[in-house]
Amino acid sequence: MAFDATPTTWIPDWSEDGTNITIPLATFAELTAAEADATTGDIRKILYALCEKFYESWNDTVTADRPTRMTLYKSSSPNVSTGITTHVYQFRFENEVSAQDVADEPA
């Protein structure tokens, strides 16, 4: 197989109607409806759930099928004294200089 750029390859429940994108809440294992609520939710938990989902999709993709001009990295550092684990996500994109858009994959 080869790299597939379609959104549903990376987020199977993704949909769009020309104006809005929709992703069911159940897509994100780390996110509850209360945490995602538009007025009382927590943006930190939303962003963490998004990063986890994208990294999970990346990690589940066979290396040969991953893009070469977009890479994702995650590192985790547990602190046994505090009981807190720090996660660092790194998203790297190679952009075309003239358009500032993600560069096409090499042929």
N, C-alpha and C. Protein backbone atom coordinates (compact mmCIF):
# COMPACT_ATOMS: atom_id res chain seq x y z
N MET A 1 0.84 -1.18 0.00
CA MET A 1 0.00 0.00 0.00
C MET A 1 0.89 1.25 0.00
N ALA A 2 0.30 2.40 -0.17
CA ALA A 2 1.04 3.66 -0.17
C ALA A 2 0.29 4.68 0.69
N PHE A 3 0.91 5.82 0.88
CA PHE A 3 0.29 6.87 1.69
C PHE A 3 -1.06 7.27 1.12
N ASP A 4 -2.06 7.36 2.00
CA ASP A 4 -3.42 7.78 1.63
C ASP A 4 -3.73 9.05 2.44
N ALA A 5 -3.88 10.17 1.76
CA ALA A 5 -4.08 11.46 2.42
C ALA A 5 -5.52 11.75 2.83
N THR A 6 -6.46 10.89 2.48
CA THR A 6 -7.86 11.19 2.79
C THR A 6 -8.10 11.23 4.30
N PRO A 7 -8.88 12.20 4.76
CA PRO A 7 -9.13 12.35 6.21
C PRO A 7 -9.68 11.09 6.86
N THR A 8 -10.55 10.35 6.16
CA THR A 8 -11.16 9.17 6.77
C THR A 8 -10.17 8.03 6.97
N THR A 9 -9.01 8.10 6.33
CA THR A 9 -7.97 7.11 6.59
C THR A 9 -7.39 7.33 7.99
N TRP A 10 -7.32 8.58 8.40
CA TRP A 10 -6.72 8.95 9.68
C TRP A 10 -7.76 9.10 10.78
N ILE A 11 -8.97 9.55 10.43
CA ILE A 11 -10.07 9.66 11.38
C ILE A 11 -11.30 9.06 10.70
N PRO A 12 -11.56 7.77 10.92
CA PRO A 12 -12.60 7.06 10.16
C PRO A 12 -13.99 7.70 10.19
N ASP A 13 -14.36 8.37 11.27
CA ASP A 13 -15.71 8.95 11.38
C ASP A 13 -15.79 10.39 10.90
N TRP A 14 -14.76 10.89 10.26
CA TRP A 14 -14.70 12.26 9.74
C TRP A 14 -15.79 12.46 8.69
N SER A 15 -16.46 13.62 8.72
CA SER A 15 -17.38 13.99 7.64
C SER A 15 -17.37 15.50 7.49
N GLU A 16 -17.80 15.97 6.33
CA GLU A 16 -17.90 17.41 6.08
C GLU A 16 -19.04 17.65 5.11
N ASP A 17 -19.60 18.85 5.19
CA ASP A 17 -20.74 19.18 4.33
C ASP A 17 -20.48 20.41 3.46
N GLY A 18 -19.22 20.79 3.31
CA GLY A 18 -18.88 21.98 2.53
C GLY A 18 -18.77 23.22 3.39
N THR A 19 -19.30 23.19 4.60
CA THR A 19 -19.23 24.31 5.52
C THR A 19 -18.60 23.89 6.85
N ASN A 20 -18.99 22.74 7.34
CA ASN A 20 -18.55 22.26 8.65
C ASN A 20 -17.90 20.88 8.54
N ILE A 21 -16.96 20.64 9.44
CA ILE A 21 -16.46 19.27 9.58
C ILE A 21 -17.10 18.70 10.84
N THR A 22 -17.30 17.39 10.84
CA THR A 22 -17.91 16.72 11.98
C THR A 22 -17.10 15.48 12.33
N ILE A 23 -16.80 15.34 13.60
CA ILE A 23 -16.12 14.16 14.12
C ILE A 23 -16.88 13.75 15.37
N PRO A 24 -17.45 12.56 15.40
CA PRO A 24 -18.19 12.13 16.59
C PRO A 24 -17.32 12.14 17.84
N LEU A 25 -17.90 12.52 18.95
CA LEU A 25 -17.20 12.56 20.23
C LEU A 25 -16.59 11.21 20.58
N ALA A 26 -17.27 10.13 20.23
CA ALA A 26 -16.78 8.78 20.54
C ALA A 26 -15.46 8.46 19.84
N THR A 27 -15.07 9.26 18.87
CA THR A 27 -13.79 9.08 18.18
C THR A 27 -12.62 9.29 19.13
N PHE A 28 -12.83 10.07 20.16
CA PHE A 28 -11.77 10.45 21.09
C PHE A 28 -11.96 9.76 22.43
N ALA A 29 -11.15 8.74 22.67
CA ALA A 29 -11.26 7.94 23.91
C ALA A 29 -11.05 8.78 25.16
N GLU A 30 -10.25 9.83 25.08
CA GLU A 30 -9.90 10.64 26.25
C GLU A 30 -10.85 11.80 26.52
N LEU A 31 -11.94 11.93 25.75
CA LEU A 31 -12.76 13.13 25.83
C LEU A 31 -14.22 12.80 26.14
N THR A 32 -14.77 13.49 27.12
CA THR A 32 -16.18 13.33 27.46
C THR A 32 -16.97 14.50 26.88
N ALA A 33 -18.29 14.35 26.85
CA ALA A 33 -19.15 15.43 26.36
C ALA A 33 -18.98 16.68 27.23
N ALA A 34 -18.86 16.51 28.53
CA ALA A 34 -18.69 17.66 29.43
C ALA A 34 -17.37 18.39 29.13
N GLU A 35 -16.32 17.64 28.86
CA GLU A 35 -15.02 18.25 28.57
C GLU A 35 -15.01 18.96 27.22
N ALA A 36 -15.86 18.50 26.30
CA ALA A 36 -15.93 19.09 24.96
C ALA A 36 -17.00 20.17 24.84
N ASP A 37 -17.75 20.40 25.88
CA ASP A 37 -18.84 21.38 25.84
C ASP A 37 -18.34 22.75 25.39
N ALA A 38 -19.09 23.39 24.50
CA ALA A 38 -18.67 24.66 23.91
C ALA A 38 -18.55 25.80 24.93
N THR A 39 -19.33 25.75 26.02
CA THR A 39 -19.28 26.86 26.98
C THR A 39 -18.62 26.50 28.30
N THR A 40 -18.61 25.23 28.68
CA THR A 40 -18.05 24.86 29.98
C THR A 40 -16.92 23.83 29.87
N GLY A 41 -16.53 23.48 28.64
CA GLY A 41 -15.50 22.45 28.43
C GLY A 41 -14.10 22.96 28.75
N ASP A 42 -13.13 22.11 28.47
CA ASP A 42 -11.74 22.41 28.79
C ASP A 42 -10.89 22.23 27.52
N ILE A 43 -10.41 23.32 26.96
CA ILE A 43 -9.65 23.28 25.71
C ILE A 43 -8.41 22.41 25.83
N ARG A 44 -7.82 22.34 27.01
CA ARG A 44 -6.64 21.49 27.20
C ARG A 44 -6.98 20.02 26.96
N LYS A 45 -8.13 19.60 27.46
CA LYS A 45 -8.54 18.20 27.28
C LYS A 45 -8.92 17.92 25.83
N ILE A 46 -9.51 18.92 25.17
CA ILE A 46 -9.85 18.78 23.75
C ILE A 46 -8.59 18.62 22.92
N LEU A 47 -7.63 19.49 23.14
CA LEU A 47 -6.39 19.45 22.37
C LEU A 47 -5.62 18.16 22.66
N TYR A 48 -5.59 17.74 23.92
CA TYR A 48 -4.92 16.49 24.27
C TYR A 48 -5.57 15.31 23.54
N ALA A 49 -6.91 15.27 23.52
CA ALA A 49 -7.63 14.18 22.84
C ALA A 49 -7.33 14.19 21.33
N LEU A 50 -7.28 15.37 20.73
CA LEU A 50 -6.94 15.48 19.30
C LEU A 50 -5.52 14.97 19.04
N CYS A 51 -4.57 15.41 19.85
CA CYS A 51 -3.18 14.96 19.67
C CYS A 51 -3.08 13.45 19.83
N GLU A 52 -3.73 12.91 20.85
CA GLU A 52 -3.70 11.46 21.07
C GLU A 52 -4.28 10.70 19.88
N LYS A 53 -5.41 11.19 19.34
CA LYS A 53 -6.04 10.52 18.22
C LYS A 53 -5.15 10.55 16.98
N PHE A 54 -4.58 11.71 16.68
CA PHE A 54 -3.70 11.80 15.52
C PHE A 54 -2.46 10.93 15.71
N TYR A 55 -1.89 10.93 16.91
CA TYR A 55 -0.72 10.09 17.14
C TYR A 55 -1.08 8.61 17.06
N GLU A 56 -2.22 8.24 17.60
CA GLU A 56 -2.68 6.84 17.52
C GLU A 56 -2.83 6.41 16.06
N SER A 57 -3.44 7.26 15.25
CA SER A 57 -3.60 6.94 13.83
C SER A 57 -2.24 6.82 13.15
N TRP A 58 -1.33 7.73 13.47
CA TRP A 58 0.02 7.69 12.93
C TRP A 58 0.71 6.38 13.32
N ASN A 59 0.63 6.05 14.59
CA ASN A 59 1.30 4.86 15.11
C ASN A 59 0.70 3.58 14.54
N ASP A 60 -0.59 3.58 14.25
CA ASP A 60 -1.26 2.40 13.69
C ASP A 60 -1.02 2.23 12.19
N THR A 61 -0.43 3.23 11.56
CA THR A 61 -0.18 3.18 10.12
C THR A 61 1.19 2.55 9.87
N VAL A 62 1.23 1.58 9.00
CA VAL A 62 2.49 0.92 8.64
C VAL A 62 3.48 1.99 8.16
N THR A 63 4.71 1.88 8.58
CA THR A 63 5.72 2.89 8.26
C THR A 63 5.77 3.22 6.77
N ALA A 64 5.69 2.22 5.92
CA ALA A 64 5.75 2.44 4.46
C ALA A 64 4.55 3.23 3.95
N ASP A 65 3.45 3.27 4.71
CA ASP A 65 2.24 3.97 4.29
C ASP A 65 2.11 5.36 4.90
N ARG A 66 3.07 5.77 5.70
CA ARG A 66 3.04 7.10 6.32
C ARG A 66 3.57 8.14 5.32
N PRO A 67 3.09 9.37 5.44
CA PRO A 67 3.64 10.42 4.59
C PRO A 67 5.09 10.71 4.99
N THR A 68 5.85 11.23 4.05
CA THR A 68 7.23 11.59 4.37
C THR A 68 7.37 13.08 4.65
N ARG A 69 6.37 13.87 4.26
CA ARG A 69 6.45 15.32 4.46
C ARG A 69 5.55 15.79 5.60
N MET A 70 5.11 14.86 6.38
CA MET A 70 4.40 15.13 7.63
C MET A 70 4.81 14.01 8.57
N THR A 71 5.31 14.35 9.74
CA THR A 71 5.67 13.34 10.72
C THR A 71 5.14 13.74 12.09
N LEU A 72 4.84 12.74 12.89
CA LEU A 72 4.36 12.95 14.24
C LEU A 72 5.26 12.21 15.21
N TYR A 73 5.55 12.84 16.33
CA TYR A 73 6.35 12.24 17.37
C TYR A 73 5.67 12.46 18.70
N LYS A 74 5.87 11.52 19.62
CA LYS A 74 5.36 11.68 20.97
C LYS A 74 6.40 11.13 21.93
N SER A 75 6.65 11.87 22.99
CA SER A 75 7.50 11.36 24.06
C SER A 75 6.74 11.55 25.37
N SER A 76 6.96 10.64 26.29
CA SER A 76 6.29 10.70 27.59
C SER A 76 7.32 10.55 28.69
N SER A 77 7.19 11.38 29.71
CA SER A 77 8.12 11.36 30.84
C SER A 77 7.33 11.27 32.14
N PRO A 78 7.29 10.09 32.76
CA PRO A 78 6.58 9.98 34.03
C PRO A 78 7.44 10.49 35.19
N ASN A 79 6.82 11.14 36.13
CA ASN A 79 7.48 11.58 37.35
C ASN A 79 6.85 10.79 38.49
N VAL A 80 7.57 9.80 39.00
CA VAL A 80 7.00 8.94 40.04
C VAL A 80 6.78 9.68 41.36
N SER A 81 7.53 10.75 41.59
CA SER A 81 7.37 11.53 42.82
C SER A 81 6.06 12.29 42.84
N THR A 82 5.68 12.88 41.69
CA THR A 82 4.46 13.69 41.64
C THR A 82 3.26 12.92 41.11
N GLY A 83 3.52 11.79 40.43
CA GLY A 83 2.44 11.03 39.82
C GLY A 83 1.94 11.67 38.53
N ILE A 84 2.70 12.60 37.98
CA ILE A 84 2.31 13.30 36.75
C ILE A 84 3.21 12.83 35.61
N THR A 85 2.59 12.53 34.47
CA THR A 85 3.33 12.18 33.27
C THR A 85 3.21 13.33 32.28
N THR A 86 4.33 13.76 31.75
CA THR A 86 4.35 14.83 30.76
C THR A 86 4.44 14.21 29.38
N HIS A 87 3.52 14.58 28.49
CA HIS A 87 3.53 14.12 27.11
C HIS A 87 3.90 15.30 26.22
N VAL A 88 4.81 15.07 25.29
CA VAL A 88 5.20 16.09 24.33
C VAL A 88 4.90 15.53 22.94
N TYR A 89 4.11 16.29 22.17
CA TYR A 89 3.77 15.90 20.80
C TYR A 89 4.48 16.85 19.86
N GLN A 90 5.04 16.30 18.80
CA GLN A 90 5.68 17.14 17.80
C GLN A 90 5.09 16.78 16.43
N PHE A 91 4.54 17.77 15.77
CA PHE A 91 4.01 17.63 14.41
C PHE A 91 4.95 18.39 13.49
N ARG A 92 5.44 17.74 12.44
CA ARG A 92 6.38 18.39 11.53
C ARG A 92 5.82 18.30 10.12
N PHE A 93 5.76 19.45 9.45
CA PHE A 93 5.26 19.53 8.08
C PHE A 93 6.31 20.19 7.20
N GLU A 94 6.52 19.66 6.00
CA GLU A 94 7.37 20.31 5.01
C GLU A 94 6.45 21.08 4.08
N ASN A 95 6.61 22.40 4.05
CA ASN A 95 5.74 23.26 3.25
C ASN A 95 6.46 23.79 2.02
N GLU A 96 5.69 23.98 0.95
CA GLU A 96 6.20 24.64 -0.24
C GLU A 96 6.43 26.10 0.12
N VAL A 97 7.57 26.64 -0.19
CA VAL A 97 7.91 28.01 0.20
C VAL A 97 6.98 29.03 -0.44
N SER A 98 6.67 28.86 -1.72
CA SER A 98 5.85 29.86 -2.43
C SER A 98 4.41 29.89 -1.95
N ALA A 99 3.87 28.79 -1.52
CA ALA A 99 2.45 28.73 -1.17
C ALA A 99 2.20 28.56 0.32
N GLN A 100 3.22 28.21 1.10
CA GLN A 100 3.07 27.87 2.49
C GLN A 100 1.95 26.85 2.68
N ASP A 101 2.06 25.79 1.89
CA ASP A 101 1.11 24.69 1.95
C ASP A 101 1.92 23.42 2.06
N VAL A 102 1.35 22.38 2.62
CA VAL A 102 2.05 21.11 2.76
C VAL A 102 2.50 20.62 1.40
N ALA A 103 3.78 20.31 1.28
CA ALA A 103 4.35 19.89 -0.01
C ALA A 103 3.78 18.55 -0.44
N ASP A 104 3.65 18.36 -1.76
CA ASP A 104 3.19 17.08 -2.31
C ASP A 104 4.21 16.01 -1.92
N GLU A 105 3.71 14.79 -1.81
CA GLU A 105 4.59 13.65 -1.54
C GLU A 105 5.45 13.40 -2.78
N PRO A 106 6.69 12.91 -2.59
CA PRO A 106 7.53 12.62 -3.76
C PRO A 106 6.94 11.49 -4.58
N ALA A 107 7.15 11.53 -5.88
CA ALA A 107 6.60 10.50 -6.78
C ALA A 107 7.37 9.21 -6.66
